[in-house]
Structure formats: C-alpha cells, structure tokens
C-alpha cells in the first residue's frame, strides 16, 4: 500500500483497510507520515495487532527525503516487495511522479487506485483520468463526490472504527478540538481553545503535537485512533480534512470546521457536500474582523443548540 503524503490522512486510510485485510493477507505499507512511531506505540494499536494477528509491516520513507531520492529508491523498494496487489492512495503518479516509470512494468500485478476528493488543478495538469485508466486495473473512490468516481466504484469512507465497533458514545471529553496540519494551523486552534475554555468546563485538544497553551480546563490527548476520542465529544471543532469530517459522521458528532487551502485536497467542498458549518481560514485571516470572534460566535450558537454546558455568554466586543 503506497500511502505517501506526509500527513495523517494517507496513512490512516491505509490502516483502516489493512487492519481488516491483514488478518488474512500480509500487507506492507509505504509511508512518510512523521506520526508513524506514535501509532506503533499506541496501546490500542498494539492490542489490535496482537489480538487479530495482523500480518502488517511498515516501510518508513523519511519525511525530509528529496524528490530525487524518492524517485531513485522507490523502484527498488517496490521491486523488492514484489506485490501481488498494489494499492495507491490519492496520487496515482506517486507523490513526486515516482510511480510513473514503475507502473508500466507491473502489468502482472493488480493495481488499485484509492482516492478521496482531488484538486481539479492536479487532475488537469497531469491528465490524471487518462493516466489512471491506462495504468490501473481498478479505481475506488472513498468519498461520494470525487471527480473520478464515474470511472470506478465508490465505497463508504475508510476510517479506523465502525459505529458498531465504537458503540454508543458519551460526552466525557467535552468539546474536542481536532488539530492536524501545519504548525501555524495548530496555533489557530489553540487560540480558539483558550477562548472556549472560559466558557465550558472541559476541552480536549486531540493532537500529535504537544499544545503550547496551559489551562486547567484543557486536556491534551494524543490517543490513536482519534475516532475513539471523537466518540466521547459533546461537539467537535476541526478542519475540513477527510478523517475529521468522516469520523464525526460515523460517531454522529456535530462538527464546526475551519477549512484550509490544500494543494491536492478540497476541504471547503467537502464541508459543503456534507452540510457542515465552516469558516474559510484564508478569509478569516484576511478580514478586518477578529477571526477568533467569528469562530466563537458560530460555536456558541451550536453550543446553545446542543445544550452543551457553558459558564457565561460570549461577548464579541471583548474579543476585539
């Protein structure tokens, strides 16, 4: 399974499939996710590997690897694995075009392209539909509205737990702030958390990175899989990323999203298609109005609608 991409999403999608499939077939996951050690050390993940005898191993690619080194090493890595089936997540050409010279030589191998929504700029610039039809045996869309869903099959979102596995959730985590992405984005979510902690009794920041803020009402969790924390939320604040959106759907938790621009993803479109209240971070930051105040005003309306316990009403003018 080729799951290069740098962030959580590509690796977690691969794990969502592999945790089931590797009970019956050996699976190798290629990843450059910097959070792989966190996942491997997770007690929940270790228990699952032992309980189900998962036949799974990882080949980590350094996140700082250069384009030249990835293109040079990838043919050897895949040749040494000699896969019967090759799954490729989101980037059919490889993250830096490293699969382009490899795929024509793998005609005896099943090649399956698995994808979420993809930026139309990427699709057009590299003639992705034509490339996929030529080099892949099968295409699986893991979102309903992807631009390539018409050339393959569509499945339910690939997340780490089903609603049946999770069981009924509770609200012991309070408001859960899902933090992923770039460092500056974490700072924005932490500012929101600080403002909210004056209004509600408990906030859980779900993040691989340790938050810089300290407050008695704020708890930091780096639990994996994060969907188990989301299942205990009163309300979720996060981005419009794939797993944030669909883990909230599976757990039936209300999400307020701050969408960010991505080179290959479309967070705003995902929120629109799934009827999620959102703010565009680019417009917030460029606005004369206080962006944190804008987020909090919407959050408080949702808090009130969902009867989340707050200490006192928010006054926007105090935040300017």
C-alpha atoms as a PDB file:
ATOM      1  CA  UNK A   1       0.000   0.000   0.000  1.00  0.00           C
ATOM      2  CA  UNK A   2       1.523   3.264  -1.185  1.00  0.00           C
ATOM      3  CA  UNK A   3       0.412   5.845   1.405  1.00  0.00           C
ATOM      4  CA  UNK A   4       2.845   8.707   0.955  1.00  0.00           C
ATOM      5  CA  UNK A   5       1.551  12.202   1.582  1.00  0.00           C
ATOM      6  CA  UNK A   6       3.160  13.478   4.748  1.00  0.00           C
ATOM      7  CA  UNK A   7       0.079  13.959   6.914  1.00  0.00           C
ATOM      8  CA  UNK A   8      -2.225  11.668   8.868  1.00  0.00           C
ATOM      9  CA  UNK A   9      -4.823  11.054   6.169  1.00  0.00           C
ATOM     10  CA  UNK A  10      -2.994   8.791   3.713  1.00  0.00           C
ATOM     11  CA  UNK A  11      -1.588   6.520   6.420  1.00  0.00           C
ATOM     12  CA  UNK A  12      -4.823   6.285   8.437  1.00  0.00           C
ATOM     13  CA  UNK A  13      -6.801   5.366   5.312  1.00  0.00           C
ATOM     14  CA  UNK A  14      -4.263   2.632   4.601  1.00  0.00           C
ATOM     15  CA  UNK A  15      -4.503   1.386   8.190  1.00  0.00           C
ATOM     16  CA  UNK A  16      -8.299   1.389   8.070  1.00  0.00           C
ATOM     17  CA  UNK A  17      -8.103  -1.108   5.208  1.00  0.00           C
ATOM     18  CA  UNK A  18      -5.050  -3.021   6.423  1.00  0.00           C
ATOM     19  CA  UNK A  19      -6.402  -3.700   9.923  1.00  0.00           C
ATOM     20  CA  UNK A  20      -9.076  -5.869   8.292  1.00  0.00           C
ATOM     21  CA  UNK A  21      -7.247  -7.243   5.253  1.00  0.00           C
ATOM     22  CA  UNK A  22      -4.010  -8.143   7.079  1.00  0.00           C
ATOM     23  CA  UNK A  23      -5.879 -10.663   9.192  1.00  0.00           C
ATOM     24  CA  UNK A  24      -5.860 -12.837   6.074  1.00  0.00           C
ATOM     25  CA  UNK A  25      -3.068 -11.497   3.844  1.00  0.00           C
ATOM     26  CA  UNK A  26       0.351  -9.962   4.550  1.00  0.00           C
ATOM     27  CA  UNK A  27       0.399  -6.220   3.848  1.00  0.00           C
ATOM     28  CA  UNK A  28       3.257  -3.748   3.539  1.00  0.00           C
ATOM     29  CA  UNK A  29       2.570  -0.024   3.947  1.00  0.00           C
ATOM     30  CA  UNK A  30       4.919   2.592   2.490  1.00  0.00           C
ATOM     31  CA  UNK A  31       4.538   5.867   4.369  1.00  0.00           C
ATOM     32  CA  UNK A  32       6.353   9.120   5.045  1.00  0.00           C
ATOM     33  CA  UNK A  33       3.981  10.118   7.864  1.00  0.00           C
ATOM     34  CA  UNK A  34       6.042  11.565  10.751  1.00  0.00           C
ATOM     35  CA  UNK A  35       3.478  10.226  13.233  1.00  0.00           C
ATOM     36  CA  UNK A  36       4.112   6.549  12.470  1.00  0.00           C
ATOM     37  CA  UNK A  37       6.051   5.993  15.751  1.00  0.00           C
ATOM     38  CA  UNK A  38       3.081   7.379  17.710  1.00  0.00           C
ATOM     39  CA  UNK A  39       0.756   4.899  16.026  1.00  0.00           C
ATOM     40  CA  UNK A  40       3.103   1.957  16.533  1.00  0.00           C
ATOM     41  CA  UNK A  41       3.491   2.754  20.249  1.00  0.00           C
ATOM     42  CA  UNK A  42      -0.257   3.164  20.790  1.00  0.00           C
ATOM     43  CA  UNK A  43      -1.587   0.605  23.265  1.00  0.00           C
ATOM     44  CA  UNK A  44      -4.829   0.397  21.296  1.00  0.00           C
ATOM     45  CA  UNK A  45      -2.965  -0.412  18.079  1.00  0.00           C
ATOM     46  CA  UNK A  46      -0.611  -2.894  19.766  1.00  0.00           C
ATOM     47  CA  UNK A  47      -3.596  -4.691  21.291  1.00  0.00           C
ATOM     48  CA  UNK A  48      -5.269  -4.949  17.896  1.00  0.00           C
ATOM     49  CA  UNK A  49      -2.119  -6.289  16.214  1.00  0.00           C
ATOM     50  CA  UNK A  50      -1.753  -8.968  18.899  1.00  0.00           C
ATOM     51  CA  UNK A  51      -5.440  -9.865  19.181  1.00  0.00           C
ATOM     52  CA  UNK A  52      -6.018 -10.356  15.466  1.00  0.00           C
ATOM     53  CA  UNK A  53      -2.516 -11.447  14.471  1.00  0.00           C
ATOM     54  CA  UNK A  54      -2.193  -8.700  11.872  1.00  0.00           C
ATOM     55  CA  UNK A  55       0.338  -9.541   9.161  1.00  0.00           C
ATOM     56  CA  UNK A  56       1.447  -5.975   8.682  1.00  0.00           C
ATOM     57  CA  UNK A  57       4.759  -4.186   8.361  1.00  0.00           C
ATOM     58  CA  UNK A  58       5.761  -0.635   7.542  1.00  0.00           C
ATOM     59  CA  UNK A  59       8.477   0.765   5.330  1.00  0.00           C
ATOM     60  CA  UNK A  60       9.025   4.352   6.510  1.00  0.00           C
ATOM     61  CA  UNK A  61      10.206   6.895   3.973  1.00  0.00           C
ATOM     62  CA  UNK A  62      11.931   9.891   5.639  1.00  0.00           C
ATOM     63  CA  UNK A  63       9.576  12.889   5.551  1.00  0.00           C
ATOM     64  CA  UNK A  64      12.529  15.081   4.587  1.00  0.00           C
ATOM     65  CA  UNK A  65      13.506  12.855   1.629  1.00  0.00           C
ATOM     66  CA  UNK A  66      14.223  14.773  -1.575  1.00  0.00           C
ATOM     67  CA  UNK A  67      12.360  14.270  -4.852  1.00  0.00           C
ATOM     68  CA  UNK A  68      15.464  12.735  -6.409  1.00  0.00           C
ATOM     69  CA  UNK A  69      15.956  10.259  -3.583  1.00  0.00           C
ATOM     70  CA  UNK A  70      12.303   9.123  -3.622  1.00  0.00           C
ATOM     71  CA  UNK A  71      12.361   8.670  -7.405  1.00  0.00           C
ATOM     72  CA  UNK A  72      15.639   6.764  -7.153  1.00  0.00           C
ATOM     73  CA  UNK A  73      14.685   4.464  -4.269  1.00  0.00           C
ATOM     74  CA  UNK A  74      11.013   3.719  -4.996  1.00  0.00           C
ATOM     75  CA  UNK A  75      11.563   1.295  -7.937  1.00  0.00           C
ATOM     76  CA  UNK A  76      13.934  -0.794  -5.813  1.00  0.00           C
ATOM     77  CA  UNK A  77      11.595  -0.766  -2.809  1.00  0.00           C
ATOM     78  CA  UNK A  78       8.603  -1.947  -4.826  1.00  0.00           C
ATOM     79  CA  UNK A  79      10.673  -4.480  -6.775  1.00  0.00           C
ATOM     80  CA  UNK A  80      11.944  -5.998  -3.503  1.00  0.00           C
ATOM     81  CA  UNK A  81       8.395  -6.239  -2.116  1.00  0.00           C
ATOM     82  CA  UNK A  82       7.139  -7.867  -5.359  1.00  0.00           C
ATOM     83  CA  UNK A  83       3.473  -7.204  -4.529  1.00  0.00           C
ATOM     84  CA  UNK A  84       0.590  -9.244  -5.898  1.00  0.00           C
ATOM     85  CA  UNK A  85      -1.641  -6.188  -5.447  1.00  0.00           C
ATOM     86  CA  UNK A  86      -0.546  -2.558  -5.315  1.00  0.00           C
ATOM     87  CA  UNK A  87      -2.848  -0.026  -3.645  1.00  0.00           C
ATOM     88  CA  UNK A  88      -2.004   3.632  -4.282  1.00  0.00           C
ATOM     89  CA  UNK A  89      -3.677   6.351  -2.229  1.00  0.00           C
ATOM     90  CA  UNK A  90      -4.649   9.702  -3.822  1.00  0.00           C
ATOM     91  CA  UNK A  91      -1.549  10.231  -6.003  1.00  0.00           C
ATOM     92  CA  UNK A  92      -1.715   7.811  -8.956  1.00  0.00           C
ATOM     93  CA  UNK A  93       1.621   9.052 -10.324  1.00  0.00           C
ATOM     94  CA  UNK A  94       3.225   8.896  -6.886  1.00  0.00           C
ATOM     95  CA  UNK A  95       3.731  11.856  -4.627  1.00  0.00           C
ATOM     96  CA  UNK A  96       6.573  13.213  -6.811  1.00  0.00           C
ATOM     97  CA  UNK A  97       5.945  11.269 -10.022  1.00  0.00           C
ATOM     98  CA  UNK A  98       7.982   8.351  -8.681  1.00  0.00           C
ATOM     99  CA  UNK A  99       5.450   5.724  -9.824  1.00  0.00           C
ATOM    100  CA  UNK A 100       5.371   6.876 -13.459  1.00  0.00           C
ATOM    101  CA  UNK A 101       8.286   4.678 -14.631  1.00  0.00           C
ATOM    102  CA  UNK A 102       7.231   1.770 -12.393  1.00  0.00           C
ATOM    103  CA  UNK A 103       3.563   1.170 -13.269  1.00  0.00           C
ATOM    104  CA  UNK A 104       4.058   0.116 -16.928  1.00  0.00           C
ATOM    105  CA  UNK A 105       6.330  -2.696 -15.679  1.00  0.00           C
ATOM    106  CA  UNK A 106       3.705  -4.055 -13.260  1.00  0.00           C
ATOM    107  CA  UNK A 107       1.125  -5.410 -15.687  1.00  0.00           C
ATOM    108  CA  UNK A 108       1.020  -8.796 -13.926  1.00  0.00           C
ATOM    109  CA  UNK A 109       0.148  -7.087 -10.643  1.00  0.00           C
ATOM    110  CA  UNK A 110      -3.313  -5.832  -9.697  1.00  0.00           C
ATOM    111  CA  UNK A 111      -3.046  -2.039  -9.419  1.00  0.00           C
ATOM    112  CA  UNK A 112      -5.803  -0.346  -7.427  1.00  0.00           C
ATOM    113  CA  UNK A 113      -6.104   3.428  -7.169  1.00  0.00           C
ATOM    114  CA  UNK A 114      -7.875   4.566  -3.982  1.00  0.00           C
ATOM    115  CA  UNK A 115      -8.776   8.222  -3.732  1.00  0.00           C
ATOM    116  CA  UNK A 116     -10.606  10.894  -1.817  1.00  0.00           C
ATOM    117  CA  UNK A 117     -11.538  14.217  -3.423  1.00  0.00           C
ATOM    118  CA  UNK A 118      -8.706  15.662  -5.511  1.00  0.00           C
ATOM    119  CA  UNK A 119      -7.989  19.198  -6.648  1.00  0.00           C
ATOM    120  CA  UNK A 120      -9.118  19.821 -10.247  1.00  0.00           C
ATOM    121  CA  UNK A 121      -5.859  21.677 -10.909  1.00  0.00           C
ATOM    122  CA  UNK A 122      -3.904  18.469 -10.267  1.00  0.00           C
ATOM    123  CA  UNK A 123      -6.307  16.433 -12.385  1.00  0.00           C
ATOM    124  CA  UNK A 124      -5.955  18.757 -15.359  1.00  0.00           C
ATOM    125  CA  UNK A 125      -2.231  19.456 -15.098  1.00  0.00           C
ATOM    126  CA  UNK A 126      -1.262  15.780 -15.205  1.00  0.00           C
ATOM    127  CA  UNK A 127      -4.197  14.303 -17.212  1.00  0.00           C
ATOM    128  CA  UNK A 128      -4.974  12.112 -14.211  1.00  0.00           C
ATOM    129  CA  UNK A 129      -8.126  10.433 -15.524  1.00  0.00           C
ATOM    130  CA  UNK A 130      -6.328   9.269 -18.667  1.00  0.00           C
ATOM    131  CA  UNK A 131      -3.333   8.136 -16.604  1.00  0.00           C
ATOM    132  CA  UNK A 132      -5.496   6.129 -14.183  1.00  0.00           C
ATOM    133  CA  UNK A 133      -7.458   4.409 -16.966  1.00  0.00           C
ATOM    134  CA  UNK A 134      -4.207   3.409 -18.649  1.00  0.00           C
ATOM    135  CA  UNK A 135      -2.213   2.200 -15.651  1.00  0.00           C
ATOM    136  CA  UNK A 136      -4.696   0.934 -13.036  1.00  0.00           C
ATOM    137  CA  UNK A 137      -6.860  -2.171 -13.032  1.00  0.00           C
ATOM    138  CA  UNK A 138      -9.415  -0.735 -10.622  1.00  0.00           C
ATOM    139  CA  UNK A 139     -10.395   2.588  -9.083  1.00  0.00           C
ATOM    140  CA  UNK A 140     -12.080   3.032  -5.701  1.00  0.00           C
ATOM    141  CA  UNK A 141     -13.486   6.356  -4.556  1.00  0.00           C
ATOM    142  CA  UNK A 142     -13.728   6.670  -0.768  1.00  0.00           C
ATOM    143  CA  UNK A 143     -15.929   9.770  -0.990  1.00  0.00           C
ATOM    144  CA  UNK A 144     -19.235  10.087  -2.801  1.00  0.00           C
ATOM    145  CA  UNK A 145     -18.499  13.182  -4.843  1.00  0.00           C
ATOM    146  CA  UNK A 146     -14.957  12.740  -6.208  1.00  0.00           C
ATOM    147  CA  UNK A 147     -14.317  13.846  -9.800  1.00  0.00           C
ATOM    148  CA  UNK A 148     -13.137  10.336 -10.763  1.00  0.00           C
ATOM    149  CA  UNK A 149     -15.943   8.342  -9.141  1.00  0.00           C
ATOM    150  CA  UNK A 150     -17.524   7.734 -12.562  1.00  0.00           C
ATOM    151  CA  UNK A 151     -14.598   5.524 -13.696  1.00  0.00           C
ATOM    152  CA  UNK A 152     -14.705   3.090 -10.782  1.00  0.00           C
ATOM    153  CA  UNK A 153     -16.547   2.030  -7.672  1.00  0.00           C
ATOM    154  CA  UNK A 154     -17.457   4.080  -4.609  1.00  0.00           C
ATOM    155  CA  UNK A 155     -17.175   2.834  -1.041  1.00  0.00           C
ATOM    156  CA  UNK A 156     -18.063   4.176   2.366  1.00  0.00           C
ATOM    157  CA  UNK A 157     -15.306   6.339   3.909  1.00  0.00           C
ATOM    158  CA  UNK A 158     -12.299   4.403   5.197  1.00  0.00           C
ATOM    159  CA  UNK A 159     -11.991   5.192   8.917  1.00  0.00           C
ATOM    160  CA  UNK A 160     -10.390   3.278  11.799  1.00  0.00           C
ATOM    161  CA  UNK A 161     -13.569   2.201  13.591  1.00  0.00           C
ATOM    162  CA  UNK A 162     -17.126   1.456  12.528  1.00  0.00           C
ATOM    163  CA  UNK A 163     -20.050   2.733  14.559  1.00  0.00           C
ATOM    164  CA  UNK A 164     -20.706  -0.862  15.641  1.00  0.00           C
ATOM    165  CA  UNK A 165     -17.150  -1.237  16.975  1.00  0.00           C
ATOM    166  CA  UNK A 166     -17.324   2.065  18.839  1.00  0.00           C
ATOM    167  CA  UNK A 167     -20.701   1.524  20.421  1.00  0.00           C
ATOM    168  CA  UNK A 168     -22.722   4.394  21.880  1.00  0.00           C
ATOM    169  CA  UNK A 169     -20.605   7.435  22.622  1.00  0.00           C
ATOM    170  CA  UNK A 170     -20.680   9.709  25.625  1.00  0.00           C
ATOM    171  CA  UNK A 171     -19.667  13.315  26.233  1.00  0.00           C
ATOM    172  CA  UNK A 172     -16.894  12.933  28.787  1.00  0.00           C
ATOM    173  CA  UNK A 173     -14.277  14.598  26.535  1.00  0.00           C
ATOM    174  CA  UNK A 174     -16.262  17.868  26.412  1.00  0.00           C
ATOM    175  CA  UNK A 175     -15.569  19.974  23.328  1.00  0.00           C
ATOM    176  CA  UNK A 176     -12.917  18.193  21.257  1.00  0.00           C
ATOM    177  CA  UNK A 177     -10.521  20.332  19.211  1.00  0.00           C
ATOM    178  CA  UNK A 178      -9.022  18.185  16.423  1.00  0.00           C
ATOM    179  CA  UNK A 179      -5.628  19.589  15.499  1.00  0.00           C
ATOM    180  CA  UNK A 180      -3.669  18.431  12.474  1.00  0.00           C
ATOM    181  CA  UNK A 181      -1.938  20.042   9.555  1.00  0.00           C
ATOM    182  CA  UNK A 182       0.667  22.781   9.691  1.00  0.00           C
ATOM    183  CA  UNK A 183       2.180  24.318  12.835  1.00  0.00           C
ATOM    184  CA  UNK A 184       0.533  27.695  12.241  1.00  0.00           C
ATOM    185  CA  UNK A 185      -2.840  25.964  11.960  1.00  0.00           C
ATOM    186  CA  UNK A 186      -2.310  24.370  15.362  1.00  0.00           C
ATOM    187  CA  UNK A 187      -1.724  27.842  16.804  1.00  0.00           C
ATOM    188  CA  UNK A 188      -5.104  28.984  15.455  1.00  0.00           C
ATOM    189  CA  UNK A 189      -6.906  26.022  17.019  1.00  0.00           C
ATOM    190  CA  UNK A 190      -5.097  26.603  20.299  1.00  0.00           C
ATOM    191  CA  UNK A 191      -6.268  30.230  20.350  1.00  0.00           C
ATOM    192  CA  UNK A 192      -9.830  29.018  19.838  1.00  0.00           C
ATOM    193  CA  UNK A 193      -9.334  26.542  22.687  1.00  0.00           C
ATOM    194  CA  UNK A 194      -8.111  29.240  25.038  1.00  0.00           C
ATOM    195  CA  UNK A 195     -11.151  31.394  24.385  1.00  0.00           C
ATOM    196  CA  UNK A 196     -13.524  28.464  24.720  1.00  0.00           C
ATOM    197  CA  UNK A 197     -12.022  27.260  27.991  1.00  0.00           C
ATOM    198  CA  UNK A 198     -13.514  30.318  29.701  1.00  0.00           C
ATOM    199  CA  UNK A 199     -16.952  29.236  28.557  1.00  0.00           C
ATOM    200  CA  UNK A 200     -17.108  25.497  29.050  1.00  0.00           C
ATOM    201  CA  UNK A 201     -15.966  23.105  31.734  1.00  0.00           C
ATOM    202  CA  UNK A 202     -13.815  20.804  29.629  1.00  0.00           C
ATOM    203  CA  UNK A 203     -11.912  20.924  26.338  1.00  0.00           C
ATOM    204  CA  UNK A 204      -9.837  18.106  24.870  1.00  0.00           C
ATOM    205  CA  UNK A 205      -7.170  19.007  22.321  1.00  0.00           C
ATOM    206  CA  UNK A 206      -6.611  15.964  20.116  1.00  0.00           C
ATOM    207  CA  UNK A 207      -3.173  16.442  18.594  1.00  0.00           C
ATOM    208  CA  UNK A 208       0.058  14.561  17.925  1.00  0.00           C
ATOM    209  CA  UNK A 209       1.983  17.689  18.925  1.00  0.00           C
ATOM    210  CA  UNK A 210       2.035  18.951  22.489  1.00  0.00           C
ATOM    211  CA  UNK A 211      -0.008  22.175  22.712  1.00  0.00           C
ATOM    212  CA  UNK A 212       1.788  25.307  23.867  1.00  0.00           C
ATOM    213  CA  UNK A 213      -1.123  26.529  25.936  1.00  0.00           C
ATOM    214  CA  UNK A 214      -1.825  25.593  29.544  1.00  0.00           C
ATOM    215  CA  UNK A 215      -5.221  25.819  31.255  1.00  0.00           C
ATOM    216  CA  UNK A 216      -6.914  23.726  33.914  1.00  0.00           C
ATOM    217  CA  UNK A 217      -9.941  23.206  31.654  1.00  0.00           C
ATOM    218  CA  UNK A 218      -7.855  21.932  28.725  1.00  0.00           C
ATOM    219  CA  UNK A 219      -6.714  18.320  28.402  1.00  0.00           C
ATOM    220  CA  UNK A 220      -4.250  17.139  25.763  1.00  0.00           C
ATOM    221  CA  UNK A 221      -4.807  13.754  24.123  1.00  0.00           C
ATOM    222  CA  UNK A 222      -2.608  12.072  21.520  1.00  0.00           C
ATOM    223  CA  UNK A 223      -4.650   8.878  21.631  1.00  0.00           C
ATOM    224  CA  UNK A 224      -4.724   6.756  18.496  1.00  0.00           C
ATOM    225  CA  UNK A 225      -7.111   6.159  16.858  1.00  0.00           C
ATOM    226  CA  UNK A 226      -8.548   9.624  17.365  1.00  0.00           C
ATOM    227  CA  UNK A 227     -12.051   8.498  16.426  1.00  0.00           C
ATOM    228  CA  UNK A 228     -12.300   6.907  19.870  1.00  0.00           C
ATOM    229  CA  UNK A 229     -11.841  10.353  21.425  1.00  0.00           C
ATOM    230  CA  UNK A 230     -14.288  11.971  18.989  1.00  0.00           C
ATOM    231  CA  UNK A 231     -16.849   9.383  20.060  1.00  0.00           C
ATOM    232  CA  UNK A 232     -16.732  10.969  23.534  1.00  0.00           C
ATOM    233  CA  UNK A 233     -17.202  14.580  22.365  1.00  0.00           C
ATOM    234  CA  UNK A 234     -20.049  16.971  23.031  1.00  0.00           C
ATOM    235  CA  UNK A 235     -19.037  18.997  19.990  1.00  0.00           C
ATOM    236  CA  UNK A 236     -16.042  18.883  17.633  1.00  0.00           C
ATOM    237  CA  UNK A 237     -14.005  21.760  16.215  1.00  0.00           C
ATOM    238  CA  UNK A 238     -11.537  20.878  13.468  1.00  0.00           C
ATOM    239  CA  UNK A 239     -10.540  21.292   9.854  1.00  0.00           C
ATOM    240  CA  UNK A 240     -12.373  20.059   6.772  1.00  0.00           C
ATOM    241  CA  UNK A 241      -9.935  17.199   6.318  1.00  0.00           C
ATOM    242  CA  UNK A 242     -11.053  13.725   5.277  1.00  0.00           C
ATOM    243  CA  UNK A 243     -10.820  11.961   8.634  1.00  0.00           C
ATOM    244  CA  UNK A 244     -12.097  14.862  10.728  1.00  0.00           C
ATOM    245  CA  UNK A 245     -15.257  15.052   8.631  1.00  0.00           C
ATOM    246  CA  UNK A 246     -15.987  11.345   8.276  1.00  0.00           C
ATOM    247  CA  UNK A 247     -15.036  10.337  11.807  1.00  0.00           C
ATOM    248  CA  UNK A 248     -17.584  12.889  13.013  1.00  0.00           C
ATOM    249  CA  UNK A 249     -20.143  11.365  10.647  1.00  0.00           C
ATOM    250  CA  UNK A 250     -19.508   7.827  11.885  1.00  0.00           C
ATOM    251  CA  UNK A 251     -19.782   8.937  15.527  1.00  0.00           C
ATOM    252  CA  UNK A 252     -22.705  11.292  14.779  1.00  0.00           C
ATOM    253  CA  UNK A 253     -20.930  14.223  16.367  1.00  0.00           C
ATOM    254  CA  UNK A 254     -21.543  17.826  15.334  1.00  0.00           C
ATOM    255  CA  UNK A 255     -18.507  19.375  13.620  1.00  0.00           C
ATOM    256  CA  UNK A 256     -17.666  23.048  13.248  1.00  0.00           C
ATOM    257  CA  UNK A 257     -14.928  23.323  10.649  1.00  0.00           C
ATOM    258  CA  UNK A 258     -12.196  25.799   9.841  1.00  0.00           C
ATOM    259  CA  UNK A 259     -11.199  24.933   6.276  1.00  0.00           C
ATOM    260  CA  UNK A 260      -7.690  25.371   4.949  1.00  0.00           C
ATOM    261  CA  UNK A 261      -6.343  25.602   1.421  1.00  0.00           C
ATOM    262  CA  UNK A 262      -4.533  22.480   0.264  1.00  0.00           C
ATOM    263  CA  UNK A 263      -2.621  21.807  -2.926  1.00  0.00           C
ATOM    264  CA  UNK A 264      -4.359  18.487  -3.606  1.00  0.00           C
ATOM    265  CA  UNK A 265      -7.460  18.468  -1.378  1.00  0.00           C
ATOM    266  CA  UNK A 266     -10.705  20.494  -1.247  1.00  0.00           C
ATOM    267  CA  UNK A 267     -11.752  20.974   2.377  1.00  0.00           C
ATOM    268  CA  UNK A 268     -14.337  23.669   1.665  1.00  0.00           C
ATOM    269  CA  UNK A 269     -16.056  21.495  -0.949  1.00  0.00           C
ATOM    270  CA  UNK A 270     -16.082  18.531   1.448  1.00  0.00           C
ATOM    271  CA  UNK A 271     -17.841  20.612   4.088  1.00  0.00           C
ATOM    272  CA  UNK A 272     -20.346  21.940   1.574  1.00  0.00           C
ATOM    273  CA  UNK A 273     -21.165  18.461   0.260  1.00  0.00           C
ATOM    274  CA  UNK A 274     -21.652  17.148   3.801  1.00  0.00           C
ATOM    275  CA  UNK A 275     -23.667  20.146   5.091  1.00  0.00           C
ATOM    276  CA  UNK A 276     -21.050  21.136   7.686  1.00  0.00           C
ATOM    277  CA  UNK A 277     -20.878  24.658   9.110  1.00  0.00           C
ATOM    278  CA  UNK A 278     -17.460  26.075   8.240  1.00  0.00           C
ATOM    279  CA  UNK A 279     -15.214  29.122   8.102  1.00  0.00           C
ATOM    280  CA  UNK A 280     -12.612  29.622   5.396  1.00  0.00           C
ATOM    281  CA  UNK A 281      -9.339  30.289   7.175  1.00  0.00           C
ATOM    282  CA  UNK A 282      -7.995  32.409   4.305  1.00  0.00           C
ATOM    283  CA  UNK A 283     -10.941  34.791   4.512  1.00  0.00           C
ATOM    284  CA  UNK A 284     -10.844  34.865   8.302  1.00  0.00           C
ATOM    285  CA  UNK A 285      -7.198  35.826   8.439  1.00  0.00           C
ATOM    286  CA  UNK A 286      -7.617  38.476   5.756  1.00  0.00           C
ATOM    287  CA  UNK A 287     -10.684  40.007   7.379  1.00  0.00           C
ATOM    288  CA  UNK A 288     -10.858  43.181   9.434  1.00  0.00           C
ATOM    289  CA  UNK A 289     -12.957  41.295  11.959  1.00  0.00           C
ATOM    290  CA  UNK A 290     -11.376  39.217  14.671  1.00  0.00           C
ATOM    291  CA  UNK A 291     -11.289  35.664  13.226  1.00  0.00           C
ATOM    292  CA  UNK A 292     -11.401  34.038  16.645  1.00  0.00           C
ATOM    293  CA  UNK A 293     -14.502  36.048  17.498  1.00  0.00           C
ATOM    294  CA  UNK A 294     -16.143  34.887  14.269  1.00  0.00           C
ATOM    295  CA  UNK A 295     -15.475  31.249  15.091  1.00  0.00           C
ATOM    296  CA  UNK A 296     -16.649  31.623  18.665  1.00  0.00           C
ATOM    297  CA  UNK A 297     -19.900  33.282  17.661  1.00  0.00           C
ATOM    298  CA  UNK A 298     -20.791  30.291  15.485  1.00  0.00           C
ATOM    299  CA  UNK A 299     -19.557  27.865  18.118  1.00  0.00           C
ATOM    300  CA  UNK A 300     -21.732  29.428  20.779  1.00  0.00           C
ATOM    301  CA  UNK A 301     -24.795  29.124  18.592  1.00  0.00           C
ATOM    302  CA  UNK A 302     -24.002  25.433  18.161  1.00  0.00           C
ATOM    303  CA  UNK A 303     -23.247  25.019  21.869  1.00  0.00           C
ATOM    304  CA  UNK A 304     -26.592  26.546  22.702  1.00  0.00           C
ATOM    305  CA  UNK A 305     -28.395  24.406  20.128  1.00  0.00           C
ATOM    306  CA  UNK A 306     -26.817  21.228  21.505  1.00  0.00           C
ATOM    307  CA  UNK A 307     -27.216  22.268  25.153  1.00  0.00           C
ATOM    308  CA  UNK A 308     -23.507  21.987  25.904  1.00  0.00           C
ATOM    309  CA  UNK A 309     -22.864  23.396  29.374  1.00  0.00           C
ATOM    310  CA  UNK A 310     -21.185  26.825  29.294  1.00  0.00           C
ATOM    311  CA  UNK A 311     -20.300  29.174  32.117  1.00  0.00           C
ATOM    312  CA  UNK A 312     -21.388  32.503  30.682  1.00  0.00           C
ATOM    313  CA  UNK A 313     -22.381  34.061  27.335  1.00  0.00           C
ATOM    314  CA  UNK A 314     -19.707  35.272  24.972  1.00  0.00           C
ATOM    315  CA  UNK A 315     -19.473  38.973  24.225  1.00  0.00           C
ATOM    316  CA  UNK A 316     -17.869  39.588  20.828  1.00  0.00           C
ATOM    317  CA  UNK A 317     -16.681  43.092  21.649  1.00  0.00           C
ATOM    318  CA  UNK A 318     -14.490  41.714  24.413  1.00  0.00           C
ATOM    319  CA  UNK A 319     -12.506  39.768  21.827  1.00  0.00           C
ATOM    320  CA  UNK A 320     -11.627  42.651  19.512  1.00  0.00           C
END
